[in-house]
Structure formats: structure tokens, C-alpha cells
Amino acid sequence: MTATLLRPYSPPPPVKRRRRPLSTNASHYVLWALALLVIVGPIVPVAAASLWSTPLYESGGHFTWDNFDALFTDGGWWTAVGNSVLFAALNTAGSIVVGVACAVLLTRTDLPGRRTLTTLLLVPIALPGLVLIIGWAAMWTPAGFASSWLETNTFLSMPVDLYSIPGMAMVGMSVASPTVFLLCRGTLLSIDPALEDAARTLGAGPLRSLLSVSLPLMRPAITNAALLVFALSMEVLGLPSSSVSPARSA
């Protein structure tokens, strides 16, 4: 027999760890500070100017509430607020209906050409909003190509005036609906179809299965999409300014 000599165990040399220039907590504070500087920073001078009697670039002045008093007592400002709320509500409601319906049809049905339709539905997101506004105006305003052809050759006409608030909401839906579609489509793809199949095996029809299983699971996505579209619609300015008719702007 041959004896095997066992070497004594020697631990590996310690690995020298490089010291981080900033700890994790410090990096978090730096990111928070940069976010506040970028997001809140531009709001600070606007808020300060609204509470000061003179422009910030001029010397003197004092703290005052007169600017807000003049704003809240201006009837034209309240009219603009009401129009903005109405436009945002119509745009949100229409976008939710169109976006959710397209998400269900293109995700939970065997509709032919689903991939092509999905691509076409997402085209407005890639296009600048001004291009869509000009396209709608060239086609469907009272003097547009499509509306003029319909009135000349058929008994049909454009049911909504694009220069009105419902008409502007219809144009806004062409941009907001794809956003709702993307949010709801992602939620539908993450839902197990076995849940809907279980409802179908218990006697529920396609519509009841959709209303009792799919839509409740989509509620968070629909709520988030509605809040996003409403907030963006309240601050939109390019669509109303581009849709003013010459008669009203004169």
C-alpha cells in the first residue's frame, strides 16, 4: 500500500474589495436631489413670480395675493377651465372605450390580420401630433377633402364639427387611444387565459366572461390609463390652438 500525504489546508488570500466612492444611500440622495432639481426647479420661479407684485427681474416689489385674486375673478379664465375639463373628459372616455375594445379584439380573439392592425394602431404614437392635426383638418373640416366629397356626392356629412370641443376630442382620441391600447394589452397578455376558459366551462358566454373575469383584472390598467390621458388632455395646447377656425380667431 502506498501512503498519500495530505497537504495542509491553506485559506485563499483575502480579496481586496474596491471602496465605492459613494455609498448606496448617498447615491439615492443624489438621484433624489437631481430629480427635484429637474422637476421642481422650474416650478419654483413661476410660483414665486405669481406671489410677487413685480416681475422677478425688477427690483422692489412685495408679497401679494392680487395676482390670484385677478385670476379667480376673471370669467374668461373659468370658461377656459370648463372647456379644458370638458375636452379632457370626452377625450378620456372615448380613448378608454376605443383602446380597451382594440386591446380585447386584438388579444383575445382570432381576428384576421391582428399583427397588421396592431402596427397600424400604433402609428399615431410615432407621428408628431401636428401631423395628425393637419391631416384631420385637411380631410374632415367643413372645407376638407373628405367632408366636401361626402356633401357633394352623398347625403352624408361629418357629424361633428372639428372646430368644436367634441371635434377636438375626436382628434385627441387618435393619439390617446393607442396609449390606452398598449397599457391594457400588456395586462391582457399577462392574464392567464385559463381563467376565462374556466368561466366558459361553467356556462358563461364570451361577453359575460369578458365582463366578469377580464375587465375586473384590467381595472388597474384602465384606471392608470384614464388618469394619464386626462392629465395630458388638461395641459394640451397644440390641438386647441391649431384647431381654431379663421372665423373664431378673427
C-alpha atoms as a PDB file:
ATOM      1  CA  MET A   1       0.000   0.000   0.000  1.00  0.00           C
ATOM      2  CA  THR A   2       1.208   3.468  -0.710  1.00  0.00           C
ATOM      3  CA  ALA A   3       0.540   6.264   1.724  1.00  0.00           C
ATOM      4  CA  THR A   4      -0.851   9.528   0.354  1.00  0.00           C
ATOM      5  CA  LEU A   5       0.425  12.626   2.036  1.00  0.00           C
ATOM      6  CA  LEU A   6      -2.277  15.242   2.582  1.00  0.00           C
ATOM      7  CA  ARG A   7      -1.225  18.822   2.195  1.00  0.00           C
ATOM      8  CA  PRO A   8      -2.241  21.154   4.978  1.00  0.00           C
ATOM      9  CA  TYR A   9      -5.202  23.393   4.103  1.00  0.00           C
ATOM     10  CA  SER A  10      -4.273  26.947   3.413  1.00  0.00           C
ATOM     11  CA  PRO A  11      -7.080  29.509   3.086  1.00  0.00           C
ATOM     12  CA  PRO A  12      -7.192  31.598  -0.097  1.00  0.00           C
ATOM     13  CA  PRO A  13      -5.751  35.066   0.104  1.00  0.00           C
ATOM     14  CA  PRO A  14      -8.283  37.714   1.017  1.00  0.00           C
ATOM     15  CA  VAL A  15      -9.791  39.564  -1.908  1.00  0.00           C
ATOM     16  CA  LYS A  16      -9.303  43.270  -1.745  1.00  0.00           C
ATOM     17  CA  ARG A  17     -12.592  44.986  -2.370  1.00  0.00           C
ATOM     18  CA  ARG A  18     -12.604  48.312  -4.053  1.00  0.00           C
ATOM     19  CA  ARG A  19     -14.161  51.006  -1.988  1.00  0.00           C
ATOM     20  CA  ARG A  20     -17.118  52.657  -3.605  1.00  0.00           C
ATOM     21  CA  PRO A  21     -16.825  56.403  -3.966  1.00  0.00           C
ATOM     22  CA  LEU A  22     -20.410  56.784  -2.748  1.00  0.00           C
ATOM     23  CA  SER A  23     -22.494  54.513  -0.601  1.00  0.00           C
ATOM     24  CA  THR A  24     -25.862  53.250  -1.778  1.00  0.00           C
ATOM     25  CA  ASN A  25     -27.748  55.650   0.462  1.00  0.00           C
ATOM     26  CA  ALA A  26     -25.674  58.587  -0.733  1.00  0.00           C
ATOM     27  CA  SER A  27     -26.335  57.726  -4.392  1.00  0.00           C
ATOM     28  CA  HIS A  28     -30.064  57.602  -3.649  1.00  0.00           C
ATOM     29  CA  TYR A  29     -29.916  61.075  -2.131  1.00  0.00           C
ATOM     30  CA  VAL A  30     -28.008  62.377  -5.148  1.00  0.00           C
ATOM     31  CA  LEU A  31     -30.621  60.947  -7.547  1.00  0.00           C
ATOM     32  CA  TRP A  32     -33.450  62.426  -5.485  1.00  0.00           C
ATOM     33  CA  ALA A  33     -31.716  65.810  -5.465  1.00  0.00           C
ATOM     34  CA  LEU A  34     -31.245  65.727  -9.253  1.00  0.00           C
ATOM     35  CA  ALA A  35     -34.888  64.724  -9.767  1.00  0.00           C
ATOM     36  CA  LEU A  36     -36.101  67.573  -7.569  1.00  0.00           C
ATOM     37  CA  LEU A  37     -33.808  69.999  -9.369  1.00  0.00           C
ATOM     38  CA  VAL A  38     -35.074  68.970 -12.814  1.00  0.00           C
ATOM     39  CA  ILE A  39     -38.786  68.547 -11.976  1.00  0.00           C
ATOM     40  CA  VAL A  40     -39.474  71.012  -9.163  1.00  0.00           C
ATOM     41  CA  GLY A  41     -36.754  73.520 -10.025  1.00  0.00           C
ATOM     42  CA  PRO A  42     -38.559  75.171 -12.975  1.00  0.00           C
ATOM     43  CA  ILE A  43     -41.767  75.462 -10.932  1.00  0.00           C
ATOM     44  CA  VAL A  44     -40.170  77.474  -8.123  1.00  0.00           C
ATOM     45  CA  PRO A  45     -39.606  80.745 -10.068  1.00  0.00           C
ATOM     46  CA  VAL A  46     -43.101  80.525 -11.592  1.00  0.00           C
ATOM     47  CA  ALA A  47     -44.658  80.119  -8.137  1.00  0.00           C
ATOM     48  CA  ALA A  48     -42.520  82.942  -6.758  1.00  0.00           C
ATOM     49  CA  ALA A  49     -43.478  85.268  -9.609  1.00  0.00           C
ATOM     50  CA  SER A  50     -47.180  84.557  -9.037  1.00  0.00           C
ATOM     51  CA  LEU A  51     -46.859  85.717  -5.416  1.00  0.00           C
ATOM     52  CA  TRP A  52     -44.811  88.853  -6.132  1.00  0.00           C
ATOM     53  CA  SER A  53     -46.166  92.245  -7.135  1.00  0.00           C
ATOM     54  CA  THR A  54     -43.448  92.996  -9.692  1.00  0.00           C
ATOM     55  CA  PRO A  55     -41.532  90.820 -12.182  1.00  0.00           C
ATOM     56  CA  LEU A  56     -38.609  88.959 -10.656  1.00  0.00           C
ATOM     57  CA  TYR A  57     -36.094  90.717 -12.899  1.00  0.00           C
ATOM     58  CA  GLU A  58     -37.142  94.108 -11.496  1.00  0.00           C
ATOM     59  CA  SER A  59     -36.078  95.449  -8.124  1.00  0.00           C
ATOM     60  CA  GLY A  60     -38.562  96.140  -5.382  1.00  0.00           C
ATOM     61  CA  GLY A  61     -41.975  94.585  -5.081  1.00  0.00           C
ATOM     62  CA  HIS A  62     -43.678  92.806  -2.230  1.00  0.00           C
ATOM     63  CA  PHE A  63     -45.611  89.643  -1.425  1.00  0.00           C
ATOM     64  CA  THR A  64     -49.212  89.768  -2.673  1.00  0.00           C
ATOM     65  CA  TRP A  65     -52.272  87.651  -3.462  1.00  0.00           C
ATOM     66  CA  ASP A  66     -53.585  90.129  -6.044  1.00  0.00           C
ATOM     67  CA  ASN A  67     -52.450  88.011  -8.995  1.00  0.00           C
ATOM     68  CA  PHE A  68     -54.543  85.044  -7.865  1.00  0.00           C
ATOM     69  CA  ASP A  69     -57.455  87.325  -6.986  1.00  0.00           C
ATOM     70  CA  ALA A  70     -57.432  88.768 -10.510  1.00  0.00           C
ATOM     71  CA  LEU A  71     -57.202  85.283 -11.990  1.00  0.00           C
ATOM     72  CA  PHE A  72     -60.039  83.739  -9.982  1.00  0.00           C
ATOM     73  CA  THR A  73     -62.351  86.671 -10.643  1.00  0.00           C
ATOM     74  CA  ASP A  74     -61.761  86.560 -14.413  1.00  0.00           C
ATOM     75  CA  GLY A  75     -64.727  84.997 -16.185  1.00  0.00           C
ATOM     76  CA  GLY A  76     -62.667  84.128 -19.252  1.00  0.00           C
ATOM     77  CA  TRP A  77     -60.321  82.001 -17.137  1.00  0.00           C
ATOM     78  CA  TRP A  78     -63.199  79.966 -15.698  1.00  0.00           C
ATOM     79  CA  THR A  79     -64.561  79.476 -19.220  1.00  0.00           C
ATOM     80  CA  ALA A  80     -61.178  78.125 -20.305  1.00  0.00           C
ATOM     81  CA  VAL A  81     -61.088  75.790 -17.296  1.00  0.00           C
ATOM     82  CA  GLY A  82     -64.563  74.462 -18.099  1.00  0.00           C
ATOM     83  CA  ASN A  83     -63.649  73.887 -21.738  1.00  0.00           C
ATOM     84  CA  SER A  84     -60.445  72.103 -20.702  1.00  0.00           C
ATOM     85  CA  VAL A  85     -62.305  69.804 -18.303  1.00  0.00           C
ATOM     86  CA  LEU A  86     -64.949  69.016 -20.935  1.00  0.00           C
ATOM     87  CA  PHE A  87     -62.307  68.303 -23.578  1.00  0.00           C
ATOM     88  CA  ALA A  88     -60.304  66.111 -21.181  1.00  0.00           C
ATOM     89  CA  ALA A  89     -63.400  64.178 -20.079  1.00  0.00           C
ATOM     90  CA  LEU A  90     -64.563  63.496 -23.656  1.00  0.00           C
ATOM     91  CA  ASN A  91     -61.071  62.562 -24.790  1.00  0.00           C
ATOM     92  CA  THR A  92     -60.559  60.243 -21.820  1.00  0.00           C
ATOM     93  CA  ALA A  93     -63.918  58.498 -22.158  1.00  0.00           C
ATOM     94  CA  GLY A  94     -63.567  57.970 -25.904  1.00  0.00           C
ATOM     95  CA  SER A  95     -59.947  56.826 -25.649  1.00  0.00           C
ATOM     96  CA  ILE A  96     -60.780  54.294 -22.926  1.00  0.00           C
ATOM     97  CA  VAL A  97     -63.624  52.797 -24.978  1.00  0.00           C
ATOM     98  CA  VAL A  98     -61.584  52.585 -28.189  1.00  0.00           C
ATOM     99  CA  GLY A  99     -58.338  51.468 -26.520  1.00  0.00           C
ATOM    100  CA  VAL A 100     -59.918  48.750 -24.360  1.00  0.00           C
ATOM    101  CA  ALA A 101     -62.029  47.447 -27.256  1.00  0.00           C
ATOM    102  CA  CYS A 102     -58.991  47.235 -29.541  1.00  0.00           C
ATOM    103  CA  ALA A 103     -56.951  45.518 -26.819  1.00  0.00           C
ATOM    104  CA  VAL A 104     -59.628  42.856 -26.358  1.00  0.00           C
ATOM    105  CA  LEU A 105     -60.199  42.314 -30.085  1.00  0.00           C
ATOM    106  CA  LEU A 106     -56.506  42.114 -30.962  1.00  0.00           C
ATOM    107  CA  THR A 107     -55.512  39.985 -27.941  1.00  0.00           C
ATOM    108  CA  ARG A 108     -58.406  37.702 -27.044  1.00  0.00           C
ATOM    109  CA  THR A 109     -59.931  36.964 -30.473  1.00  0.00           C
ATOM    110  CA  ASP A 110     -58.803  35.306 -33.685  1.00  0.00           C
ATOM    111  CA  LEU A 111     -59.412  38.430 -35.751  1.00  0.00           C
ATOM    112  CA  PRO A 112     -57.600  38.144 -39.128  1.00  0.00           C
ATOM    113  CA  GLY A 113     -54.621  40.435 -39.589  1.00  0.00           C
ATOM    114  CA  ARG A 114     -54.132  41.155 -35.897  1.00  0.00           C
ATOM    115  CA  ARG A 115     -50.429  41.928 -36.260  1.00  0.00           C
ATOM    116  CA  THR A 116     -51.026  44.358 -39.108  1.00  0.00           C
ATOM    117  CA  LEU A 117     -53.853  46.076 -37.258  1.00  0.00           C
ATOM    118  CA  THR A 118     -51.725  46.351 -34.122  1.00  0.00           C
ATOM    119  CA  THR A 119     -48.941  48.017 -36.095  1.00  0.00           C
ATOM    120  CA  LEU A 120     -51.359  50.438 -37.766  1.00  0.00           C
ATOM    121  CA  LEU A 121     -52.909  51.284 -34.407  1.00  0.00           C
ATOM    122  CA  LEU A 122     -49.510  52.280 -33.007  1.00  0.00           C
ATOM    123  CA  VAL A 123     -48.583  54.542 -35.937  1.00  0.00           C
ATOM    124  CA  PRO A 124     -50.060  57.723 -34.319  1.00  0.00           C
ATOM    125  CA  ILE A 125     -47.635  57.324 -31.403  1.00  0.00           C
ATOM    126  CA  ALA A 126     -44.652  57.553 -33.757  1.00  0.00           C
ATOM    127  CA  LEU A 127     -46.018  60.552 -35.673  1.00  0.00           C
ATOM    128  CA  PRO A 128     -45.842  64.133 -34.392  1.00  0.00           C
ATOM    129  CA  GLY A 129     -49.152  65.411 -33.115  1.00  0.00           C
ATOM    130  CA  LEU A 130     -49.084  68.361 -35.517  1.00  0.00           C
ATOM    131  CA  VAL A 131     -49.052  65.987 -38.486  1.00  0.00           C
ATOM    132  CA  LEU A 132     -52.219  64.270 -37.284  1.00  0.00           C
ATOM    133  CA  ILE A 133     -53.938  67.584 -36.598  1.00  0.00           C
ATOM    134  CA  ILE A 134     -53.152  68.882 -40.082  1.00  0.00           C
ATOM    135  CA  GLY A 135     -54.305  65.593 -41.603  1.00  0.00           C
ATOM    136  CA  TRP A 136     -57.620  65.673 -39.753  1.00  0.00           C
ATOM    137  CA  ALA A 137     -58.119  69.325 -40.724  1.00  0.00           C
ATOM    138  CA  ALA A 138     -57.340  68.644 -44.397  1.00  0.00           C
ATOM    139  CA  MET A 139     -59.822  65.754 -44.507  1.00  0.00           C
ATOM    140  CA  TRP A 140     -62.696  66.467 -42.137  1.00  0.00           C
ATOM    141  CA  THR A 141     -63.083  70.207 -41.584  1.00  0.00           C
ATOM    142  CA  PRO A 142     -66.101  71.816 -43.303  1.00  0.00           C
ATOM    143  CA  ALA A 143     -63.847  72.655 -46.278  1.00  0.00           C
ATOM    144  CA  GLY A 144     -61.855  69.412 -46.102  1.00  0.00           C
ATOM    145  CA  PHE A 145     -61.491  66.944 -48.961  1.00  0.00           C
ATOM    146  CA  ALA A 146     -63.477  64.089 -47.407  1.00  0.00           C
ATOM    147  CA  SER A 147     -66.285  66.201 -45.940  1.00  0.00           C
ATOM    148  CA  SER A 148     -66.697  68.169 -49.187  1.00  0.00           C
ATOM    149  CA  TRP A 149     -66.833  64.969 -51.244  1.00  0.00           C
ATOM    150  CA  LEU A 150     -69.447  63.455 -48.935  1.00  0.00           C
ATOM    151  CA  GLU A 151     -71.664  66.529 -49.078  1.00  0.00           C
ATOM    152  CA  THR A 152     -71.351  66.748 -52.877  1.00  0.00           C
ATOM    153  CA  ASN A 153     -71.779  63.085 -53.845  1.00  0.00           C
ATOM    154  CA  THR A 154     -73.798  61.594 -50.981  1.00  0.00           C
ATOM    155  CA  PHE A 155     -76.370  62.577 -48.417  1.00  0.00           C
ATOM    156  CA  LEU A 156     -73.842  62.071 -45.608  1.00  0.00           C
ATOM    157  CA  SER A 157     -71.825  64.732 -43.801  1.00  0.00           C
ATOM    158  CA  MET A 158     -69.324  64.978 -40.991  1.00  0.00           C
ATOM    159  CA  PRO A 159     -71.427  64.574 -37.823  1.00  0.00           C
ATOM    160  CA  VAL A 160     -69.042  66.551 -35.600  1.00  0.00           C
ATOM    161  CA  ASP A 161     -67.507  69.946 -36.225  1.00  0.00           C
ATOM    162  CA  LEU A 162     -63.752  69.602 -35.704  1.00  0.00           C
ATOM    163  CA  TYR A 163     -63.637  73.224 -34.563  1.00  0.00           C
ATOM    164  CA  SER A 164     -65.827  72.343 -31.573  1.00  0.00           C
ATOM    165  CA  ILE A 165     -64.751  70.728 -28.303  1.00  0.00           C
ATOM    166  CA  PRO A 166     -66.212  67.286 -29.237  1.00  0.00           C
ATOM    167  CA  GLY A 167     -64.421  67.532 -32.577  1.00  0.00           C
ATOM    168  CA  MET A 168     -61.115  68.320 -30.901  1.00  0.00           C
ATOM    169  CA  ALA A 169     -61.706  65.417 -28.523  1.00  0.00           C
ATOM    170  CA  MET A 170     -62.192  63.133 -31.528  1.00  0.00           C
ATOM    171  CA  VAL A 171     -58.822  64.231 -32.898  1.00  0.00           C
ATOM    172  CA  GLY A 172     -57.232  63.749 -29.479  1.00  0.00           C
ATOM    173  CA  MET A 173     -58.593  60.200 -29.313  1.00  0.00           C
ATOM    174  CA  SER A 174     -56.488  59.259 -32.324  1.00  0.00           C
ATOM    175  CA  VAL A 175     -53.362  59.929 -30.234  1.00  0.00           C
ATOM    176  CA  ALA A 176     -54.556  58.828 -26.781  1.00  0.00           C
ATOM    177  CA  SER A 177     -56.277  55.578 -27.805  1.00  0.00           C
ATOM    178  CA  PRO A 178     -53.007  53.809 -28.779  1.00  0.00           C
ATOM    179  CA  THR A 179     -51.594  54.626 -25.322  1.00  0.00           C
ATOM    180  CA  VAL A 180     -54.618  53.056 -23.642  1.00  0.00           C
ATOM    181  CA  PHE A 181     -54.314  50.102 -26.007  1.00  0.00           C
ATOM    182  CA  LEU A 182     -50.686  49.472 -25.025  1.00  0.00           C
ATOM    183  CA  LEU A 183     -51.399  49.577 -21.284  1.00  0.00           C
ATOM    184  CA  CYS A 184     -54.450  47.315 -21.497  1.00  0.00           C
ATOM    185  CA  ARG A 185     -52.825  44.940 -23.998  1.00  0.00           C
ATOM    186  CA  GLY A 186     -49.920  44.326 -21.641  1.00  0.00           C
ATOM    187  CA  THR A 187     -52.315  43.496 -18.836  1.00  0.00           C
ATOM    188  CA  LEU A 188     -54.351  41.138 -21.031  1.00  0.00           C
ATOM    189  CA  LEU A 189     -51.220  39.311 -22.145  1.00  0.00           C
ATOM    190  CA  SER A 190     -50.244  38.750 -18.509  1.00  0.00           C
ATOM    191  CA  ILE A 191     -53.675  37.309 -17.590  1.00  0.00           C
ATOM    192  CA  ASP A 192     -53.852  33.524 -17.738  1.00  0.00           C
ATOM    193  CA  PRO A 193     -56.434  32.544 -20.403  1.00  0.00           C
ATOM    194  CA  ALA A 194     -57.310  29.536 -18.223  1.00  0.00           C
ATOM    195  CA  LEU A 195     -59.353  31.886 -16.032  1.00  0.00           C
ATOM    196  CA  GLU A 196     -61.556  32.827 -18.954  1.00  0.00           C
ATOM    197  CA  ASP A 197     -61.735  29.201 -20.091  1.00  0.00           C
ATOM    198  CA  ALA A 198     -62.897  28.216 -16.611  1.00  0.00           C
ATOM    199  CA  ALA A 199     -65.714  30.758 -16.817  1.00  0.00           C
ATOM    200  CA  ARG A 200     -66.671  29.419 -20.239  1.00  0.00           C
ATOM    201  CA  THR A 201     -66.807  25.835 -18.955  1.00  0.00           C
ATOM    202  CA  LEU A 202     -69.184  26.960 -16.205  1.00  0.00           C
ATOM    203  CA  GLY A 203     -71.634  28.227 -18.785  1.00  0.00           C
ATOM    204  CA  ALA A 204     -70.580  31.868 -19.177  1.00  0.00           C
ATOM    205  CA  GLY A 205     -70.705  33.294 -22.675  1.00  0.00           C
ATOM    206  CA  PRO A 206     -67.876  35.295 -24.266  1.00  0.00           C
ATOM    207  CA  LEU A 207     -69.360  38.640 -23.216  1.00  0.00           C
ATOM    208  CA  ARG A 208     -70.057  37.527 -19.657  1.00  0.00           C
ATOM    209  CA  SER A 209     -66.582  36.015 -19.399  1.00  0.00           C
ATOM    210  CA  LEU A 210     -65.126  39.315 -20.527  1.00  0.00           C
ATOM    211  CA  LEU A 211     -67.195  41.380 -18.092  1.00  0.00           C
ATOM    212  CA  SER A 212     -66.766  39.088 -15.084  1.00  0.00           C
ATOM    213  CA  VAL A 213     -63.141  37.964 -15.492  1.00  0.00           C
ATOM    214  CA  SER A 214     -61.090  40.076 -17.893  1.00  0.00           C
ATOM    215  CA  LEU A 215     -62.359  43.586 -17.166  1.00  0.00           C
ATOM    216  CA  PRO A 216     -62.016  43.313 -13.342  1.00  0.00           C
ATOM    217  CA  LEU A 217     -58.416  42.186 -13.804  1.00  0.00           C
ATOM    218  CA  MET A 218     -57.843  45.073 -16.219  1.00  0.00           C
ATOM    219  CA  ARG A 219     -59.257  47.660 -13.804  1.00  0.00           C
ATOM    220  CA  PRO A 220     -55.857  48.928 -12.544  1.00  0.00           C
ATOM    221  CA  ALA A 221     -54.563  49.359 -16.086  1.00  0.00           C
ATOM    222  CA  ILE A 222     -57.756  51.116 -17.192  1.00  0.00           C
ATOM    223  CA  THR A 223     -57.625  53.444 -14.180  1.00  0.00           C
ATOM    224  CA  ASN A 224     -53.972  54.322 -14.764  1.00  0.00           C
ATOM    225  CA  ALA A 225     -54.623  54.921 -18.461  1.00  0.00           C
ATOM    226  CA  ALA A 226     -57.623  57.148 -17.709  1.00  0.00           C
ATOM    227  CA  LEU A 227     -55.643  59.263 -15.227  1.00  0.00           C
ATOM    228  CA  LEU A 228     -52.754  59.588 -17.676  1.00  0.00           C
ATOM    229  CA  VAL A 229     -54.955  60.609 -20.617  1.00  0.00           C
ATOM    230  CA  PHE A 230     -56.979  63.053 -18.502  1.00  0.00           C
ATOM    231  CA  ALA A 231     -53.856  64.744 -17.104  1.00  0.00           C
ATOM    232  CA  LEU A 232     -52.256  65.060 -20.540  1.00  0.00           C
ATOM    233  CA  SER A 233     -55.520  66.338 -22.050  1.00  0.00           C
ATOM    234  CA  MET A 234     -55.826  69.061 -19.416  1.00  0.00           C
ATOM    235  CA  GLU A 235     -52.458  70.534 -20.357  1.00  0.00           C
ATOM    236  CA  VAL A 236     -52.571  70.100 -24.134  1.00  0.00           C
ATOM    237  CA  LEU A 237     -52.283  73.375 -26.041  1.00  0.00           C
ATOM    238  CA  GLY A 238     -51.238  72.470 -29.587  1.00  0.00           C
ATOM    239  CA  LEU A 239     -54.556  70.885 -30.538  1.00  0.00           C
ATOM    240  CA  PRO A 240     -56.855  73.771 -29.471  1.00  0.00           C
ATOM    241  CA  SER A 241     -54.516  76.413 -30.891  1.00  0.00           C
ATOM    242  CA  SER A 242     -54.215  74.556 -34.218  1.00  0.00           C
ATOM    243  CA  SER A 243     -57.941  73.824 -34.462  1.00  0.00           C
ATOM    244  CA  VAL A 244     -59.205  77.404 -34.137  1.00  0.00           C
ATOM    245  CA  SER A 245     -61.226  78.295 -37.197  1.00  0.00           C
ATOM    246  CA  PRO A 246     -60.398  81.515 -39.061  1.00  0.00           C
ATOM    247  CA  ALA A 247     -63.828  82.957 -38.215  1.00  0.00           C
ATOM    248  CA  ARG A 248     -63.273  82.463 -34.492  1.00  0.00           C
ATOM    249  CA  SER A 249     -59.678  83.674 -34.487  1.00  0.00           C
ATOM    250  CA  ALA A 250     -60.606  86.926 -36.223  1.00  0.00           C
END
